[in-house]
């Protein structure tokens, strides 16, 4: 599934895969991307950034996903 927020495009797992990803989609001169690891509909790990963006957590929440309590969005 593709989720679009103001600054990010988020890809959640498909076909029983556990891996997703995100990338910055805002019109800026720089960008970054990272990986997402899910257990069912719960995000359990990520990489690519030191602090997990709150905007990604909110986008996932609106799409019916949860973020594990060990991940503190900033």
Protein backbone atom coordinates (compact mmCIF):
# COMPACT_ATOMS: atom_id res chain seq x y z
CA UNK A 1 0.00 0.00 0.00
CA UNK A 2 1.23 3.50 -0.81
CA UNK A 3 0.56 6.21 1.79
CA UNK A 4 1.25 9.85 0.98
CA UNK A 5 1.69 12.58 3.60
CA UNK A 6 2.75 16.19 3.22
CA UNK A 7 6.48 15.34 3.12
CA UNK A 8 6.73 11.55 2.77
CA UNK A 9 5.70 8.64 0.61
CA UNK A 10 5.35 5.47 2.68
CA UNK A 11 5.19 1.95 1.26
CA UNK A 12 3.76 -0.78 3.50
CA UNK A 13 4.34 -4.51 2.95
CA UNK A 14 2.45 -6.46 0.32
CA UNK A 15 2.03 -10.19 -0.30
CA UNK A 16 2.87 -11.29 3.28
CA UNK A 17 6.19 -9.46 3.15
CA UNK A 18 7.41 -7.79 6.37
CA UNK A 19 9.38 -4.99 4.74
CA UNK A 20 8.24 -1.53 3.73
CA UNK A 21 10.00 1.76 3.08
CA UNK A 22 9.65 5.52 3.10
CA UNK A 23 11.12 8.40 1.15
CA UNK A 24 10.87 12.13 1.38
CA UNK A 25 8.55 13.41 -1.30
CA UNK A 26 8.49 17.13 -0.55
CA UNK A 27 9.98 19.55 -3.04
CA UNK A 28 13.33 20.08 -1.32
CA UNK A 29 16.97 20.16 -2.44
CA UNK A 30 17.85 17.16 -0.28
CA UNK A 31 16.17 13.88 0.45
CA UNK A 32 16.43 10.61 2.28
CA UNK A 33 14.77 7.25 2.49
CA UNK A 34 14.68 4.32 4.85
CA UNK A 35 13.35 0.89 5.59
CA UNK A 36 10.39 -0.20 7.69
CA UNK A 37 9.91 -3.61 9.33
CA UNK A 38 6.41 -4.79 10.24
CA UNK A 39 4.89 -7.60 12.25
CA UNK A 40 1.41 -7.76 10.79
CA UNK A 41 0.00 -4.21 11.02
CA UNK A 42 2.56 -3.08 13.63
CA UNK A 43 5.78 -1.24 12.76
CA UNK A 44 8.48 -2.88 14.87
CA UNK A 45 11.71 -1.42 13.46
CA UNK A 46 13.08 1.11 10.98
CA UNK A 47 16.37 2.29 9.52
CA UNK A 48 17.70 5.19 7.50
CA UNK A 49 17.14 7.94 10.09
CA UNK A 50 18.23 8.45 13.68
CA UNK A 51 14.87 9.82 14.90
CA UNK A 52 11.67 8.35 13.52
CA UNK A 53 9.54 11.11 11.90
CA UNK A 54 6.21 11.72 13.62
CA UNK A 55 4.61 12.43 10.24
CA UNK A 56 5.31 8.86 9.13
CA UNK A 57 3.82 7.45 12.35
CA UNK A 58 0.71 9.59 11.84
CA UNK A 59 0.39 8.48 8.21
CA UNK A 60 0.65 4.85 9.22
CA UNK A 61 -1.95 5.37 11.96
CA UNK A 62 -4.45 6.89 9.53
CA UNK A 63 -4.01 3.81 7.33
CA UNK A 64 -4.76 1.41 10.20
CA UNK A 65 -1.20 0.59 11.29
CA UNK A 66 0.29 0.93 14.75
CA UNK A 67 3.81 1.81 15.85
CA UNK A 68 5.44 -0.35 18.52
CA UNK A 69 5.83 1.48 21.83
CA UNK A 70 9.62 1.03 21.65
CA UNK A 71 9.66 3.52 18.73
CA UNK A 72 9.26 7.14 19.85
CA UNK A 73 8.32 9.37 16.89
CA UNK A 74 9.80 12.88 16.93
